[in-house]
């Protein structure tokens, strides 16, 4: 009993700390009922502790289009995105060192990221998925798992120091000799455009881009999609939060969903407070879920030792249980789901195969 009591106190304390610091964790979108130029829109979001919207993939773009259609009208059909031309941009290595090599011709809002293959430097779209070379000190490590450039950078900064950089001819030769049979990312991106929150995103829907002469800003429109604009007034959404919600329609058991989210995103979704719940409801309301299971796995699990519900190692302080009642052992199932219609939580057999919700940390370019 003496051993169990300190463990129980640690779990309870971690739950208390979670409730204090969890505000604005999951990304939430707020409509501002004004039509402004780009700079004024930036400032309006910044005043409220947020930023203009960043798009990370087509799922994001579809969500924002659905959301703006639901809140807009004929006078509010075009919304600023946070993507703008960075006139002072100079190519640098991802670790901040200056790049002294030749520039790359960019057009149509394209990003170009550098890889090494067959002993030569090569240009690719940053959204391509490739192995990548991480660096820590003078040591290089080839990671064979394929990721886009931003995901590769995030992985290297988490597990090593950074993506590999090349500052001397000797470094270049060492890197090329590491593995000649793979084409892999190194830490160099060429991009004239920048997102308002300085996050790393490889999303550019080039099929829907309408490029105006001397364009400097980007807009998402109901009728024409993703646009580059030289300057005008538009509506705006502001966003807060540093964690994305990902809806996965690959029915799995609860444990398999845990492993999938760890491998492809950050983890199975936690809902730590009412702000998190509000963000999840907003996302599901404007994301098509037809064909999905009626419930989604979230990271809720009942402790087999103590009987209370936890998020991994933290006790559940705030909850949204169906009928306001927490399932109790021994009658309860030991894993938790969110209902796709009511957004209420309930217990479920952990071996059932369901769709699920992952969360993914947003990664910022600054270290």
Protein backbone atom coordinates (compact mmCIF):
# COMPACT_ATOMS: atom_id res chain seq x y z
CA UNK A 1 0.00 0.00 0.00
CA UNK A 2 2.92 2.34 0.73
CA UNK A 3 4.06 2.00 -2.90
CA UNK A 4 0.62 2.52 -4.46
CA UNK A 5 -0.13 5.73 -2.55
CA UNK A 6 2.77 7.83 -4.01
CA UNK A 7 1.89 6.58 -7.52
CA UNK A 8 -1.73 7.62 -6.99
CA UNK A 9 -0.64 11.07 -5.78
CA UNK A 10 1.63 11.48 -8.83
CA UNK A 11 -1.23 10.66 -11.23
CA UNK A 12 -3.59 13.04 -9.41
CA UNK A 13 -0.99 15.83 -9.42
CA UNK A 14 -0.25 15.38 -13.12
CA UNK A 15 -3.97 15.65 -13.81
CA UNK A 16 -4.15 18.90 -11.85
CA UNK A 17 -1.21 20.37 -13.78
CA UNK A 18 -2.83 19.34 -17.06
CA UNK A 19 -6.00 21.29 -16.20
CA UNK A 20 -3.98 24.44 -15.49
CA UNK A 21 -1.91 24.51 -18.69
CA UNK A 22 -4.15 22.93 -21.36
CA UNK A 23 -5.87 26.10 -22.75
CA UNK A 24 -5.71 26.56 -26.55
CA UNK A 25 -3.92 23.28 -27.10
CA UNK A 26 -5.96 21.88 -30.01
CA UNK A 27 -6.32 24.14 -33.03
CA UNK A 28 -9.56 26.18 -33.02
CA UNK A 29 -10.81 28.54 -35.73
CA UNK A 30 -12.60 31.82 -34.99
CA UNK A 31 -14.48 33.95 -37.50
CA UNK A 32 -13.83 37.72 -37.52
CA UNK A 33 -16.76 39.59 -39.04
CA UNK A 34 -14.68 42.22 -40.81
CA UNK A 35 -13.29 42.62 -44.32
CA UNK A 36 -9.68 43.81 -44.11
CA UNK A 37 -6.50 44.05 -46.12
CA UNK A 38 -3.84 41.42 -45.41
CA UNK A 39 -1.76 43.45 -42.93
CA UNK A 40 -4.81 44.53 -40.94
CA UNK A 41 -6.03 40.91 -40.89
CA UNK A 42 -2.63 39.76 -39.58
CA UNK A 43 -2.75 42.37 -36.83
CA UNK A 44 -6.34 41.51 -35.88
CA UNK A 45 -5.45 37.85 -35.30
CA UNK A 46 -2.24 38.76 -33.48
CA UNK A 47 -4.16 41.04 -31.09
CA UNK A 48 -6.18 38.02 -30.00
CA UNK A 49 -3.16 35.77 -29.53
CA UNK A 50 -3.64 33.84 -32.76
CA UNK A 51 -2.63 33.91 -36.41
CA UNK A 52 -4.11 33.66 -39.86
CA UNK A 53 -4.81 30.11 -41.04
CA UNK A 54 -2.05 27.73 -42.11
CA UNK A 55 -2.95 24.80 -44.38
CA UNK A 56 -0.99 21.57 -43.91
CA UNK A 57 -2.76 19.23 -46.36
CA UNK A 58 -5.88 18.86 -48.51
CA UNK A 59 -7.88 17.77 -45.45
CA UNK A 60 -7.12 21.18 -43.90
CA UNK A 61 -8.12 23.01 -47.08
CA UNK A 62 -11.41 21.08 -47.32
CA UNK A 63 -12.18 21.78 -43.65
CA UNK A 64 -11.58 25.53 -44.03
CA UNK A 65 -13.73 25.67 -47.18
CA UNK A 66 -16.56 23.82 -45.39
CA UNK A 67 -16.25 26.05 -42.31
CA UNK A 68 -16.27 29.32 -44.27
CA UNK A 69 -19.26 28.20 -46.34
CA UNK A 70 -21.19 27.55 -43.12
CA UNK A 71 -20.47 30.98 -41.62
CA UNK A 72 -20.17 33.20 -44.70
CA UNK A 73 -22.48 34.76 -47.25
CA UNK A 74 -22.16 36.41 -50.66
CA UNK A 75 -20.11 39.21 -49.09
CA UNK A 76 -17.81 36.79 -47.26
CA UNK A 77 -16.75 34.16 -49.79
CA UNK A 78 -12.97 34.79 -49.83
CA UNK A 79 -10.79 34.41 -46.74
CA UNK A 80 -7.17 35.33 -46.13
CA UNK A 81 -4.73 32.50 -45.60
CA UNK A 82 -1.57 33.16 -43.62
CA UNK A 83 0.73 32.57 -46.60
CA UNK A 84 2.57 35.64 -47.87
CA UNK A 85 5.65 36.42 -49.92
CA UNK A 86 8.72 36.86 -47.71
CA UNK A 87 10.61 39.58 -49.58
CA UNK A 88 13.65 39.29 -47.29
CA UNK A 89 13.96 35.51 -47.64
CA UNK A 90 17.45 34.11 -48.10
CA UNK A 91 18.16 30.40 -48.38
CA UNK A 92 19.65 29.03 -45.16
CA UNK A 93 20.32 25.57 -43.83
CA UNK A 94 17.68 24.33 -41.42
CA UNK A 95 20.17 24.76 -38.55
CA UNK A 96 20.42 28.48 -39.36
CA UNK A 97 23.79 28.44 -41.17
CA UNK A 98 23.91 30.56 -44.36
CA UNK A 99 23.71 28.79 -47.70
CA UNK A 100 26.37 30.02 -50.14
CA UNK A 101 25.42 27.93 -53.15
CA UNK A 102 23.43 28.91 -56.25
CA UNK A 103 19.78 29.88 -55.97
CA UNK A 104 16.83 28.00 -57.43
CA UNK A 105 14.27 29.50 -59.81
CA UNK A 106 10.86 29.43 -58.12
CA UNK A 107 7.53 30.22 -59.74
CA UNK A 108 3.85 29.73 -59.01
CA UNK A 109 4.38 29.63 -55.26
CA UNK A 110 6.44 26.46 -55.42
CA UNK A 111 8.74 25.16 -52.71
CA UNK A 112 11.91 23.31 -53.61
CA UNK A 113 13.74 21.09 -51.14
CA UNK A 114 17.14 19.54 -51.67
CA UNK A 115 18.01 15.86 -51.60
CA UNK A 116 21.10 13.84 -52.43
CA UNK A 117 20.81 10.86 -54.76
CA UNK A 118 23.45 8.96 -56.72
CA UNK A 119 26.10 11.32 -55.37
CA UNK A 120 24.46 14.50 -56.71
CA UNK A 121 22.24 17.24 -55.31
CA UNK A 122 18.68 17.12 -56.64
CA UNK A 123 15.58 19.37 -56.46
CA UNK A 124 12.19 17.97 -55.41
CA UNK A 125 8.81 19.21 -54.25
CA UNK A 126 9.00 19.44 -50.46
CA UNK A 127 5.79 17.42 -50.16
CA UNK A 128 7.44 14.32 -51.68
CA UNK A 129 8.13 11.50 -49.23
CA UNK A 130 11.73 10.31 -48.99
CA UNK A 131 14.28 8.90 -46.55
CA UNK A 132 16.34 11.61 -44.87
CA UNK A 133 19.70 12.26 -43.29
CA UNK A 134 19.86 13.51 -39.70
CA UNK A 135 22.89 15.08 -38.07
CA UNK A 136 24.17 15.31 -34.52
CA UNK A 137 27.54 17.00 -34.18
CA UNK A 138 29.80 15.50 -36.85
CA UNK A 139 27.80 12.28 -37.12
CA UNK A 140 25.21 11.53 -39.81
CA UNK A 141 22.36 9.02 -39.56
CA UNK A 142 20.26 7.89 -42.52
CA UNK A 143 16.60 7.33 -41.60
CA UNK A 144 14.98 5.06 -44.17
CA UNK A 145 11.39 5.78 -43.17
CA UNK A 146 9.91 8.08 -45.83
CA UNK A 147 8.58 11.50 -44.78
CA UNK A 148 7.98 14.86 -46.42
CA UNK A 149 10.63 17.51 -45.76
CA UNK A 150 8.85 19.15 -42.80
CA UNK A 151 8.18 15.80 -41.14
CA UNK A 152 11.82 14.83 -41.67
CA UNK A 153 13.00 18.06 -40.08
CA UNK A 154 10.73 17.52 -37.09
CA UNK A 155 11.98 13.95 -36.65
CA UNK A 156 15.66 14.99 -36.79
CA UNK A 157 15.20 17.83 -34.30
CA UNK A 158 13.37 15.49 -31.94
CA UNK A 159 15.80 12.55 -32.09
CA UNK A 160 19.09 14.13 -33.23
CA UNK A 161 19.97 17.81 -33.73
CA UNK A 162 18.78 18.72 -37.23
CA UNK A 163 18.61 17.60 -40.84
CA UNK A 164 22.08 17.27 -42.34
CA UNK A 165 23.77 20.48 -43.51
CA UNK A 166 26.75 20.85 -45.82
CA UNK A 167 29.14 23.70 -45.03
CA UNK A 168 32.36 22.50 -46.64
CA UNK A 169 33.46 20.35 -49.58
CA UNK A 170 34.62 17.73 -47.08
CA UNK A 171 31.14 17.61 -45.50
CA UNK A 172 29.64 17.26 -48.97
CA UNK A 173 31.83 14.25 -49.80
CA UNK A 174 31.20 12.64 -46.40
CA UNK A 175 27.47 12.98 -46.85
CA UNK A 176 27.46 11.57 -50.38
CA UNK A 177 29.43 8.54 -49.19
CA UNK A 178 26.99 7.74 -46.38
CA UNK A 179 24.65 5.86 -48.72
CA UNK A 180 24.76 5.98 -52.51
CA UNK A 181 21.69 3.78 -53.08
CA UNK A 182 19.14 6.14 -51.53
CA UNK A 183 17.79 9.55 -52.45
CA UNK A 184 17.38 11.38 -49.14
CA UNK A 185 16.45 14.81 -47.82
CA UNK A 186 19.06 17.20 -46.46
CA UNK A 187 18.36 20.40 -44.54
CA UNK A 188 17.86 22.92 -47.34
CA UNK A 189 14.55 24.43 -48.50
CA UNK A 190 14.06 27.14 -51.12
CA UNK A 191 10.81 29.06 -50.62
CA UNK A 192 9.82 32.68 -51.28
CA UNK A 193 6.64 32.29 -49.23
CA UNK A 194 6.10 32.10 -45.48
CA UNK A 195 3.18 31.20 -43.22
CA UNK A 196 2.02 33.81 -40.71
CA UNK A 197 2.69 31.56 -37.68
CA UNK A 198 6.11 30.49 -39.07
CA UNK A 199 5.11 26.84 -39.07
CA UNK A 200 6.53 24.30 -41.51
CA UNK A 201 4.02 23.23 -44.16
CA UNK A 202 4.63 21.64 -47.56
CA UNK A 203 1.05 22.15 -48.75
CA UNK A 204 0.68 24.05 -52.04
CA UNK A 205 -2.36 23.08 -54.12
CA UNK A 206 -0.85 24.12 -57.42
CA UNK A 207 -3.80 22.84 -59.47
CA UNK A 208 -6.01 25.57 -57.99
CA UNK A 209 -3.50 28.42 -57.96
CA UNK A 210 -4.33 31.54 -59.94
CA UNK A 211 -1.16 33.61 -60.01
CA UNK A 212 -1.55 37.37 -60.35
CA UNK A 213 1.37 39.56 -61.43
CA UNK A 214 3.49 40.60 -58.42
CA UNK A 215 1.24 38.60 -56.09
CA UNK A 216 2.17 38.76 -52.43
CA UNK A 217 -0.69 37.15 -50.50
CA UNK A 218 -2.93 34.08 -50.58
CA UNK A 219 -6.70 33.63 -50.35
CA UNK A 220 -8.99 30.62 -50.10
CA UNK A 221 -12.21 31.19 -52.06
CA UNK A 222 -15.40 29.11 -52.25
CA UNK A 223 -15.62 29.44 -56.01
CA UNK A 224 -12.01 29.37 -57.22
CA UNK A 225 -10.04 27.60 -54.48
CA UNK A 226 -6.50 28.55 -53.50
CA UNK A 227 -5.43 31.91 -55.00
CA UNK A 228 -2.37 34.14 -55.02
CA UNK A 229 -3.31 37.82 -54.81
CA UNK A 230 -1.45 41.08 -55.29
CA UNK A 231 -3.53 42.80 -52.64
CA UNK A 232 -7.17 43.47 -51.78
CA UNK A 233 -9.62 43.12 -48.89
CA UNK A 234 -11.03 39.79 -47.71
CA UNK A 235 -12.65 38.10 -44.72
CA UNK A 236 -10.54 36.27 -42.17
CA UNK A 237 -10.36 33.35 -39.79
CA UNK A 238 -7.99 33.40 -36.85
CA UNK A 239 -6.61 30.20 -35.37
CA UNK A 240 -5.12 29.31 -31.99
CA UNK A 241 -3.54 26.10 -30.78
CA UNK A 242 -0.41 24.10 -31.56
CA UNK A 243 -1.90 20.62 -32.10
CA UNK A 244 -3.79 19.41 -35.19
CA UNK A 245 -6.68 16.90 -35.18
CA UNK A 246 -6.46 14.03 -37.69
CA UNK A 247 -9.46 11.81 -38.50
CA UNK A 248 -8.33 8.30 -39.49
CA UNK A 249 -10.79 6.05 -41.33
CA UNK A 250 -8.85 2.81 -40.96
CA UNK A 251 -10.78 0.79 -38.37
CA UNK A 252 -8.42 -0.67 -35.78
CA UNK A 253 -8.46 -1.94 -32.21
CA UNK A 254 -7.68 0.61 -29.49
CA UNK A 255 -4.08 -0.63 -29.08
CA UNK A 256 -3.51 -0.66 -32.85
CA UNK A 257 -4.87 2.90 -33.05
CA UNK A 258 -2.39 3.94 -30.33
CA UNK A 259 0.50 2.51 -32.36
CA UNK A 260 -0.72 4.01 -35.66
CA UNK A 261 -0.94 7.52 -34.19
CA UNK A 262 2.53 7.23 -32.66
CA UNK A 263 4.01 6.10 -35.98
CA UNK A 264 2.27 8.57 -38.31
CA UNK A 265 1.35 11.58 -36.16
CA UNK A 266 2.00 12.25 -32.45
CA UNK A 267 -0.43 10.18 -30.41
CA UNK A 268 -4.07 9.08 -30.07
CA UNK A 269 -6.20 12.13 -29.23
CA UNK A 270 -6.42 13.47 -25.69
CA UNK A 271 -9.27 15.81 -24.67
CA UNK A 272 -7.95 17.62 -21.65
CA UNK A 273 -10.56 20.33 -21.09
CA UNK A 274 -13.63 22.05 -22.52
CA UNK A 275 -11.52 24.00 -25.03
CA UNK A 276 -10.18 20.72 -26.45
CA UNK A 277 -13.71 19.32 -26.66
CA UNK A 278 -14.91 22.45 -28.47
CA UNK A 279 -12.07 22.16 -31.00
CA UNK A 280 -12.83 18.48 -31.72
CA UNK A 281 -16.54 19.20 -32.20
CA UNK A 282 -15.73 22.04 -34.62
CA UNK A 283 -13.40 19.81 -36.62
CA UNK A 284 -15.85 16.89 -36.88
CA UNK A 285 -18.79 19.15 -37.81
CA UNK A 286 -16.93 20.43 -40.86
CA UNK A 287 -15.09 17.24 -41.87
CA UNK A 288 -17.06 14.67 -43.90
CA UNK A 289 -17.26 11.45 -41.86
CA UNK A 290 -19.76 9.47 -43.94
CA UNK A 291 -18.52 5.90 -44.28
CA UNK A 292 -16.66 6.11 -40.96
CA UNK A 293 -17.64 4.07 -37.90
CA UNK A 294 -20.23 5.70 -35.62
CA UNK A 295 -17.65 6.24 -32.88
CA UNK A 296 -13.99 7.23 -32.79
CA UNK A 297 -11.31 5.85 -30.49
CA UNK A 298 -9.71 8.50 -28.30
CA UNK A 299 -6.90 7.92 -25.78
CA UNK A 300 -9.23 7.20 -22.84
CA UNK A 301 -8.36 4.07 -20.87
CA UNK A 302 -9.63 2.76 -17.56
CA UNK A 303 -6.88 1.99 -15.07
CA UNK A 304 -6.97 -1.70 -14.27
CA UNK A 305 -5.29 -0.92 -10.91
CA UNK A 306 -7.31 2.04 -9.60
CA UNK A 307 -10.48 1.88 -11.72
CA UNK A 308 -10.50 5.55 -12.73
CA UNK A 309 -10.11 6.80 -16.32
CA UNK A 310 -6.81 8.19 -17.54
CA UNK A 311 -5.07 9.76 -20.54
CA UNK A 312 -1.99 7.54 -20.61
CA UNK A 313 -0.41 8.65 -17.32
CA UNK A 314 -2.85 11.45 -16.35
CA UNK A 315 -6.17 11.20 -14.57
CA UNK A 316 -9.22 12.55 -16.43
CA UNK A 317 -10.23 15.79 -14.65
CA UNK A 318 -12.67 17.25 -17.19
CA UNK A 319 -15.05 14.87 -18.94
CA UNK A 320 -17.95 14.67 -21.38
CA UNK A 321 -19.41 11.25 -20.53
CA UNK A 322 -22.72 10.18 -22.05
CA UNK A 323 -25.57 10.91 -19.60
CA UNK A 324 -23.00 12.65 -17.37
CA UNK A 325 -22.03 9.33 -15.76
CA UNK A 326 -18.52 7.87 -15.72
CA UNK A 327 -18.49 4.12 -16.52
CA UNK A 328 -17.37 2.17 -13.48
CA UNK A 329 -15.73 -1.23 -13.09
CA UNK A 330 -16.53 -4.10 -13.11
CA UNK A 331 -19.43 -3.42 -15.51
CA UNK A 332 -17.56 -1.05 -17.82
CA UNK A 333 -15.47 -1.74 -20.90
CA UNK A 334 -11.90 -0.45 -20.49
CA UNK A 335 -11.39 1.84 -23.53
CA UNK A 336 -13.07 5.11 -24.45
CA UNK A 337 -14.68 6.48 -27.62
CA UNK A 338 -16.30 9.71 -28.80
CA UNK A 339 -19.67 9.38 -30.51
CA UNK A 340 -19.57 10.83 -34.04
CA UNK A 341 -23.02 12.41 -33.71
CA UNK A 342 -23.40 13.64 -30.12
CA UNK A 343 -19.65 14.04 -29.40
CA UNK A 344 -20.26 12.41 -26.01
CA UNK A 345 -17.78 9.92 -24.54
CA UNK A 346 -18.58 6.33 -23.59
CA UNK A 347 -16.81 3.08 -22.85
CA UNK A 348 -16.20 0.46 -25.54
CA UNK A 349 -14.67 -2.99 -25.91
CA UNK A 350 -10.97 -2.38 -26.67
CA UNK A 351 -10.93 -5.16 -29.27
CA UNK A 352 -13.59 -3.63 -31.50
CA UNK A 353 -12.27 -2.14 -34.74
CA UNK A 354 -13.19 1.54 -35.08
CA UNK A 355 -12.09 4.72 -36.83
CA UNK A 356 -10.06 6.96 -34.56
CA UNK A 357 -8.72 10.46 -33.88
CA UNK A 358 -5.00 11.24 -33.76
CA UNK A 359 -3.34 14.46 -32.72
CA UNK A 360 -0.26 15.94 -34.37
CA UNK A 361 2.03 18.62 -32.96
CA UNK A 362 2.46 21.58 -35.29
CA UNK A 363 6.12 22.11 -36.10
CA UNK A 364 7.61 25.60 -36.35
CA UNK A 365 10.61 26.61 -38.43
CA UNK A 366 12.35 28.43 -35.57
CA UNK A 367 14.21 26.08 -33.23
